[in-house]
Amino acid sequence: MSIIANKLNYKKMTVRGLLLMSLLAGTSAFALDTKSTAKLNGTDYAIGENINVWDGSAYVSATNNNVIYGDIAATIKKSLTLLPDPVQWNKIVPAGGSFSRTKISLPDESTYYAEASSNISKAYGVVTLQSD
């Protein structure tokens, strides 16, 4: 009888462990930052951290520190697990240009991130996405 009891306890512990793991994984989405910053520091591509956007709107700002030439594409992408991340918003920032905190509308409540890319290999600039 004690062998059966041990197997039942093992099953209960396994189920409880799996439930705890799924609970922790589910609540980790609430612990995301509210700001995603993609910094180009002598590179041509950078991405920021994932952030939650709850109400479908957020703020974007960008600065292109390339003095003479080299555009930066300030891009906001929706973070998907299995599919390629779709572009939700995009703006080209010319060399030496910038734009301040601008409110944008996003299609739905989800997880997004900032992306910065340039047409030159050693670019300098920042793209920031911030949720409300």
N, C-alpha and C. Protein backbone atom coordinates (compact mmCIF):
# COMPACT_ATOMS: atom_id res chain seq x y z
N MET A 1 0.82 -1.19 0.00
CA MET A 1 0.00 0.00 0.00
C MET A 1 0.86 1.26 0.00
N SER A 2 2.02 1.22 0.64
CA SER A 2 2.86 2.41 0.72
C SER A 2 3.46 2.76 -0.66
N ILE A 3 3.67 1.77 -1.53
CA ILE A 3 4.18 2.04 -2.87
C ILE A 3 3.14 2.84 -3.66
N ILE A 4 1.88 2.47 -3.56
CA ILE A 4 0.82 3.21 -4.26
C ILE A 4 0.71 4.62 -3.70
N ALA A 5 0.78 4.77 -2.41
CA ALA A 5 0.71 6.09 -1.78
C ALA A 5 1.86 6.97 -2.25
N ASN A 6 3.06 6.40 -2.35
CA ASN A 6 4.20 7.18 -2.82
C ASN A 6 4.01 7.62 -4.27
N LYS A 7 3.44 6.75 -5.11
CA LYS A 7 3.19 7.12 -6.50
C LYS A 7 2.16 8.23 -6.58
N LEU A 8 1.11 8.17 -5.76
CA LEU A 8 0.10 9.21 -5.76
C LEU A 8 0.68 10.55 -5.31
N ASN A 9 1.52 10.51 -4.28
CA ASN A 9 2.16 11.75 -3.81
C ASN A 9 3.08 12.32 -4.88
N TYR A 10 3.79 11.45 -5.59
CA TYR A 10 4.67 11.89 -6.66
C TYR A 10 3.86 12.57 -7.76
N LYS A 11 2.72 11.98 -8.12
CA LYS A 11 1.87 12.57 -9.15
C LYS A 11 1.33 13.92 -8.70
N LYS A 12 0.92 14.02 -7.44
CA LYS A 12 0.41 15.28 -6.92
C LYS A 12 1.50 16.35 -6.93
N MET A 13 2.71 15.96 -6.53
CA MET A 13 3.80 16.92 -6.51
C MET A 13 4.14 17.37 -7.93
N THR A 14 4.11 16.44 -8.89
CA THR A 14 4.40 16.79 -10.27
C THR A 14 3.35 17.75 -10.82
N VAL A 15 2.09 17.46 -10.57
CA VAL A 15 1.02 18.33 -11.06
C VAL A 15 1.12 19.71 -10.41
N ARG A 16 1.37 19.76 -9.12
CA ARG A 16 1.50 21.05 -8.43
C ARG A 16 2.70 21.83 -8.96
N GLY A 17 3.78 21.13 -9.22
CA GLY A 17 4.96 21.79 -9.78
C GLY A 17 4.70 22.37 -11.15
N LEU A 18 3.99 21.62 -11.99
CA LEU A 18 3.66 22.12 -13.31
C LEU A 18 2.72 23.31 -13.24
N LEU A 19 1.76 23.27 -12.33
CA LEU A 19 0.85 24.40 -12.16
C LEU A 19 1.60 25.64 -11.68
N LEU A 20 2.53 25.45 -10.76
CA LEU A 20 3.32 26.58 -10.27
C LEU A 20 4.17 27.17 -11.39
N MET A 21 4.79 26.32 -12.19
CA MET A 21 5.61 26.80 -13.32
C MET A 21 4.77 27.59 -14.31
N SER A 22 3.57 27.10 -14.64
CA SER A 22 2.72 27.81 -15.59
C SER A 22 2.24 29.13 -15.00
N LEU A 23 1.98 29.17 -13.71
CA LEU A 23 1.58 30.40 -13.05
C LEU A 23 2.70 31.43 -13.11
N LEU A 24 3.92 31.00 -12.82
CA LEU A 24 5.06 31.91 -12.87
C LEU A 24 5.32 32.40 -14.29
N ALA A 25 5.18 31.53 -15.27
CA ALA A 25 5.37 31.94 -16.66
C ALA A 25 4.29 32.91 -17.09
N GLY A 26 3.08 32.71 -16.64
CA GLY A 26 1.98 33.59 -16.99
C GLY A 26 2.10 34.97 -16.38
N THR A 27 2.63 35.06 -15.17
CA THR A 27 2.76 36.36 -14.52
C THR A 27 4.02 37.10 -14.93
N SER A 28 4.94 36.43 -15.61
CA SER A 28 6.16 37.12 -16.03
C SER A 28 5.86 38.19 -17.07
N ALA A 29 4.77 38.04 -17.82
CA ALA A 29 4.41 39.06 -18.81
C ALA A 29 4.07 40.38 -18.13
N PHE A 30 3.59 40.35 -16.90
CA PHE A 30 3.24 41.57 -16.20
C PHE A 30 4.47 42.27 -15.66
N ALA A 31 5.60 41.60 -15.63
CA ALA A 31 6.81 42.17 -15.06
C ALA A 31 7.69 42.85 -16.10
N LEU A 32 7.22 43.01 -17.32
CA LEU A 32 8.02 43.64 -18.36
C LEU A 32 8.18 45.13 -18.09
N ASP A 33 9.27 45.70 -18.60
CA ASP A 33 9.52 47.13 -18.47
C ASP A 33 8.47 47.92 -19.26
N THR A 34 8.47 49.21 -19.06
CA THR A 34 7.56 50.08 -19.81
C THR A 34 8.29 50.83 -20.91
N LYS A 35 9.59 50.57 -21.07
CA LYS A 35 10.38 51.27 -22.08
C LYS A 35 11.27 50.29 -22.83
N SER A 36 11.25 50.41 -24.16
CA SER A 36 12.11 49.59 -25.02
C SER A 36 13.04 50.53 -25.76
N THR A 37 14.34 50.33 -25.61
CA THR A 37 15.33 51.22 -26.22
C THR A 37 16.28 50.43 -27.10
N ALA A 38 16.32 50.80 -28.37
CA ALA A 38 17.25 50.19 -29.33
C ALA A 38 18.37 51.20 -29.60
N LYS A 39 19.61 50.87 -29.22
CA LYS A 39 20.74 51.79 -29.35
C LYS A 39 21.70 51.30 -30.43
N LEU A 40 21.94 52.14 -31.40
CA LEU A 40 22.98 51.87 -32.39
C LEU A 40 24.25 52.53 -31.89
N ASN A 41 25.24 51.73 -31.60
CA ASN A 41 26.51 52.24 -31.08
C ASN A 41 27.64 51.66 -31.92
N GLY A 42 27.75 52.17 -33.13
CA GLY A 42 28.76 51.67 -34.05
C GLY A 42 28.34 50.40 -34.78
N THR A 43 27.03 50.13 -34.80
CA THR A 43 26.49 48.97 -35.50
C THR A 43 25.41 49.43 -36.48
N ASP A 44 24.87 48.48 -37.24
CA ASP A 44 23.81 48.86 -38.18
C ASP A 44 22.44 48.31 -37.80
N TYR A 45 22.36 47.62 -36.64
CA TYR A 45 21.08 47.02 -36.23
C TYR A 45 21.05 46.85 -34.72
N ALA A 46 19.91 47.18 -34.12
CA ALA A 46 19.73 46.97 -32.68
C ALA A 46 18.24 46.82 -32.38
N ILE A 47 17.95 46.01 -31.36
CA ILE A 47 16.56 45.87 -30.91
C ILE A 47 16.50 46.15 -29.41
N GLY A 48 15.32 46.61 -28.98
CA GLY A 48 15.11 46.88 -27.57
C GLY A 48 14.40 45.72 -26.89
N GLU A 49 14.11 45.90 -25.62
CA GLU A 49 13.43 44.89 -24.82
C GLU A 49 11.94 44.86 -25.18
N ASN A 50 11.30 43.74 -24.90
CA ASN A 50 9.85 43.64 -25.08
C ASN A 50 9.15 44.44 -23.99
N ILE A 51 8.06 45.13 -24.38
CA ILE A 51 7.21 45.82 -23.42
C ILE A 51 5.76 45.51 -23.73
N ASN A 52 4.91 45.58 -22.71
CA ASN A 52 3.48 45.40 -22.90
C ASN A 52 2.84 46.74 -23.22
N VAL A 53 1.97 46.75 -24.21
CA VAL A 53 1.17 47.92 -24.53
C VAL A 53 -0.28 47.51 -24.31
N TRP A 54 -0.89 48.08 -23.27
CA TRP A 54 -2.21 47.61 -22.83
C TRP A 54 -3.37 48.31 -23.53
N ASP A 55 -3.19 49.56 -23.91
CA ASP A 55 -4.34 50.30 -24.45
C ASP A 55 -4.23 50.63 -25.93
N GLY A 56 -3.28 50.04 -26.63
CA GLY A 56 -3.16 50.24 -28.07
C GLY A 56 -2.47 51.52 -28.48
N SER A 57 -1.88 52.24 -27.53
CA SER A 57 -1.13 53.44 -27.89
C SER A 57 0.17 53.50 -27.08
N ALA A 58 1.16 54.13 -27.66
CA ALA A 58 2.46 54.25 -27.01
C ALA A 58 3.16 55.49 -27.55
N TYR A 59 4.34 55.78 -27.02
CA TYR A 59 5.11 56.94 -27.45
C TYR A 59 6.44 56.47 -28.04
N VAL A 60 6.83 57.14 -29.14
CA VAL A 60 8.08 56.82 -29.82
C VAL A 60 8.92 58.09 -29.94
N SER A 61 10.22 57.94 -29.77
CA SER A 61 11.16 59.03 -30.05
C SER A 61 12.41 58.42 -30.67
N ALA A 62 13.13 59.23 -31.44
CA ALA A 62 14.34 58.72 -32.09
C ALA A 62 15.32 59.86 -32.33
N THR A 63 16.59 59.50 -32.31
CA THR A 63 17.67 60.44 -32.59
C THR A 63 18.69 59.75 -33.48
N ASN A 64 19.08 60.42 -34.56
CA ASN A 64 20.11 59.92 -35.44
C ASN A 64 21.35 60.76 -35.21
N ASN A 65 22.37 60.18 -34.62
CA ASN A 65 23.60 60.90 -34.31
C ASN A 65 24.64 60.82 -35.42
N ASN A 66 24.29 60.27 -36.57
CA ASN A 66 25.19 60.26 -37.72
C ASN A 66 25.21 61.69 -38.29
N VAL A 67 26.38 62.29 -38.34
CA VAL A 67 26.46 63.72 -38.66
C VAL A 67 26.27 64.00 -40.15
N ILE A 68 26.95 63.29 -41.02
CA ILE A 68 26.95 63.65 -42.44
C ILE A 68 25.97 62.82 -43.26
N TYR A 69 25.99 61.51 -43.11
CA TYR A 69 25.12 60.66 -43.90
C TYR A 69 24.71 59.44 -43.09
N GLY A 70 23.74 58.71 -43.59
CA GLY A 70 23.30 57.49 -42.93
C GLY A 70 21.96 57.66 -42.25
N ASP A 71 20.90 57.20 -42.91
CA ASP A 71 19.57 57.25 -42.32
C ASP A 71 19.38 56.13 -41.31
N ILE A 72 18.48 56.35 -40.37
CA ILE A 72 18.08 55.31 -39.41
C ILE A 72 16.60 55.05 -39.58
N ALA A 73 16.24 53.78 -39.64
CA ALA A 73 14.84 53.39 -39.68
C ALA A 73 14.40 53.10 -38.25
N ALA A 74 13.48 53.92 -37.75
CA ALA A 74 12.89 53.70 -36.42
C ALA A 74 11.66 52.84 -36.64
N THR A 75 11.69 51.61 -36.11
CA THR A 75 10.63 50.64 -36.38
C THR A 75 10.09 50.10 -35.07
N ILE A 76 8.76 49.92 -35.02
CA ILE A 76 8.11 49.28 -33.88
C ILE A 76 7.53 47.97 -34.40
N LYS A 77 7.89 46.87 -33.74
CA LYS A 77 7.42 45.54 -34.16
C LYS A 77 6.65 44.86 -33.04
N LYS A 78 5.69 44.06 -33.46
CA LYS A 78 4.92 43.25 -32.52
C LYS A 78 5.70 41.96 -32.28
N SER A 79 5.86 41.58 -31.04
CA SER A 79 6.63 40.40 -30.69
C SER A 79 5.75 39.15 -30.76
N LEU A 80 6.07 38.26 -31.69
CA LEU A 80 5.36 36.99 -31.85
C LEU A 80 6.31 35.84 -31.56
N THR A 81 5.76 34.73 -31.11
CA THR A 81 6.60 33.61 -30.71
C THR A 81 7.11 32.80 -31.89
N LEU A 82 6.24 32.41 -32.79
CA LEU A 82 6.62 31.48 -33.84
C LEU A 82 6.77 32.11 -35.22
N LEU A 83 6.08 33.19 -35.48
CA LEU A 83 6.09 33.81 -36.80
C LEU A 83 7.06 34.97 -36.84
N PRO A 84 7.44 35.43 -38.03
CA PRO A 84 8.27 36.65 -38.10
C PRO A 84 7.49 37.83 -37.51
N ASP A 85 8.20 38.69 -36.80
CA ASP A 85 7.55 39.82 -36.14
C ASP A 85 7.10 40.86 -37.17
N PRO A 86 5.81 41.18 -37.22
CA PRO A 86 5.33 42.16 -38.20
C PRO A 86 5.65 43.60 -37.78
N VAL A 87 5.94 44.43 -38.78
CA VAL A 87 6.18 45.85 -38.54
C VAL A 87 4.84 46.53 -38.29
N GLN A 88 4.74 47.28 -37.18
CA GLN A 88 3.51 47.98 -36.85
C GLN A 88 3.61 49.48 -37.09
N TRP A 89 4.84 50.00 -37.11
CA TRP A 89 5.05 51.43 -37.29
C TRP A 89 6.49 51.63 -37.74
N ASN A 90 6.71 52.63 -38.62
CA ASN A 90 8.05 52.85 -39.16
C ASN A 90 8.21 54.31 -39.55
N LYS A 91 9.40 54.85 -39.32
CA LYS A 91 9.71 56.21 -39.75
C LYS A 91 11.21 56.30 -40.02
N ILE A 92 11.58 56.96 -41.10
CA ILE A 92 12.99 57.17 -41.45
C ILE A 92 13.46 58.48 -40.81
N VAL A 93 14.60 58.40 -40.12
CA VAL A 93 15.19 59.58 -39.48
C VAL A 93 16.48 59.89 -40.23
N PRO A 94 16.57 61.05 -40.90
CA PRO A 94 17.78 61.37 -41.67
C PRO A 94 18.96 61.69 -40.76
N ALA A 95 20.15 61.72 -41.35
CA ALA A 95 21.38 62.00 -40.59
C ALA A 95 21.25 63.32 -39.85
N GLY A 96 21.61 63.31 -38.57
CA GLY A 96 21.53 64.51 -37.75
C GLY A 96 20.12 64.86 -37.29
N GLY A 97 19.14 64.09 -37.70
CA GLY A 97 17.75 64.39 -37.36
C GLY A 97 17.26 63.67 -36.12
N SER A 98 16.08 64.08 -35.68
CA SER A 98 15.46 63.43 -34.54
C SER A 98 13.99 63.82 -34.51
N PHE A 99 13.23 63.10 -33.72
CA PHE A 99 11.87 63.53 -33.40
C PHE A 99 11.60 63.21 -31.95
N SER A 100 10.87 64.10 -31.31
CA SER A 100 10.62 63.95 -29.88
C SER A 100 9.45 63.01 -29.64
N ARG A 101 9.10 62.87 -28.41
CA ARG A 101 8.06 61.94 -27.97
C ARG A 101 6.78 62.14 -28.78
N THR A 102 6.44 61.13 -29.59
CA THR A 102 5.29 61.18 -30.48
C THR A 102 4.36 60.04 -30.15
N LYS A 103 3.07 60.35 -29.97
CA LYS A 103 2.11 59.29 -29.64
C LYS A 103 1.72 58.56 -30.92
N ILE A 104 1.74 57.22 -30.86
CA ILE A 104 1.34 56.40 -32.00
C ILE A 104 0.23 55.43 -31.57
N SER A 105 -0.56 55.00 -32.53
CA SER A 105 -1.59 53.99 -32.27
C SER A 105 -1.10 52.66 -32.79
N LEU A 106 -1.29 51.64 -31.99
CA LEU A 106 -0.93 50.28 -32.37
C LEU A 106 -2.21 49.46 -32.50
N PRO A 107 -2.23 48.44 -33.35
CA PRO A 107 -3.48 47.75 -33.67
C PRO A 107 -4.16 47.03 -32.52
N ASP A 108 -3.39 46.55 -31.56
CA ASP A 108 -4.04 45.82 -30.46
C ASP A 108 -3.13 45.80 -29.23
N GLU A 109 -3.70 45.35 -28.12
CA GLU A 109 -2.94 45.20 -26.89
C GLU A 109 -2.05 43.97 -27.03
N SER A 110 -0.75 44.17 -26.91
CA SER A 110 0.17 43.06 -27.12
C SER A 110 1.55 43.45 -26.60
N THR A 111 2.54 42.65 -26.97
CA THR A 111 3.93 42.91 -26.62
C THR A 111 4.66 43.43 -27.85
N TYR A 112 5.35 44.56 -27.69
CA TYR A 112 6.05 45.22 -28.79
C TYR A 112 7.49 45.52 -28.39
N TYR A 113 8.31 45.87 -29.39
CA TYR A 113 9.67 46.30 -29.11
C TYR A 113 10.14 47.29 -30.16
N ALA A 114 11.15 48.09 -29.80
CA ALA A 114 11.74 49.06 -30.71
C ALA A 114 12.88 48.40 -31.48
N GLU A 115 13.02 48.83 -32.73
CA GLU A 115 14.10 48.34 -33.57
C GLU A 115 14.73 49.53 -34.28
N ALA A 116 16.04 49.55 -34.34
CA ALA A 116 16.77 50.59 -35.07
C ALA A 116 17.67 49.92 -36.08
N SER A 117 17.62 50.40 -37.31
CA SER A 117 18.51 49.86 -38.34
C SER A 117 18.99 51.02 -39.22
N SER A 118 20.15 50.83 -39.83
CA SER A 118 20.74 51.89 -40.63
C SER A 118 21.27 51.34 -41.94
N ASN A 119 21.42 52.25 -42.90
CA ASN A 119 21.97 51.85 -44.20
C ASN A 119 23.49 51.98 -44.24
N ILE A 120 24.11 52.29 -43.10
CA ILE A 120 25.57 52.28 -43.01
C ILE A 120 25.97 51.32 -41.89
N SER A 121 27.19 50.79 -41.98
CA SER A 121 27.59 49.74 -41.04
C SER A 121 27.93 50.26 -39.65
N LYS A 122 28.40 51.49 -39.53
CA LYS A 122 28.75 52.04 -38.22
C LYS A 122 27.88 53.25 -37.93
N ALA A 123 26.69 52.97 -37.45
CA ALA A 123 25.72 54.03 -37.19
C ALA A 123 25.60 54.30 -35.70
N TYR A 124 25.13 55.51 -35.38
CA TYR A 124 24.93 55.92 -33.99
C TYR A 124 23.57 56.59 -33.86
N GLY A 125 22.77 56.08 -32.95
CA GLY A 125 21.45 56.65 -32.73
C GLY A 125 20.65 55.82 -31.75
N VAL A 126 19.45 56.31 -31.43
CA VAL A 126 18.59 55.66 -30.44
C VAL A 126 17.15 55.73 -30.88
N VAL A 127 16.42 54.61 -30.72
CA VAL A 127 14.99 54.58 -30.93
C VAL A 127 14.37 54.08 -29.63
N THR A 128 13.37 54.80 -29.13
CA THR A 128 12.74 54.46 -27.86
C THR A 128 11.23 54.32 -28.02
N LEU A 129 10.69 53.25 -27.47
CA LEU A 129 9.25 53.02 -27.41
C LEU A 129 8.87 52.97 -25.94
N GLN A 130 7.84 53.73 -25.56
CA GLN A 130 7.41 53.74 -24.17
C GLN A 130 5.89 53.61 -24.10
N SER A 131 5.44 52.68 -23.25
CA SER A 131 4.00 52.51 -23.07
C SER A 131 3.48 53.58 -22.13
N ASP A 132 2.17 53.82 -22.17
CA ASP A 132 1.55 54.85 -21.31
C ASP A 132 1.73 54.56 -19.86
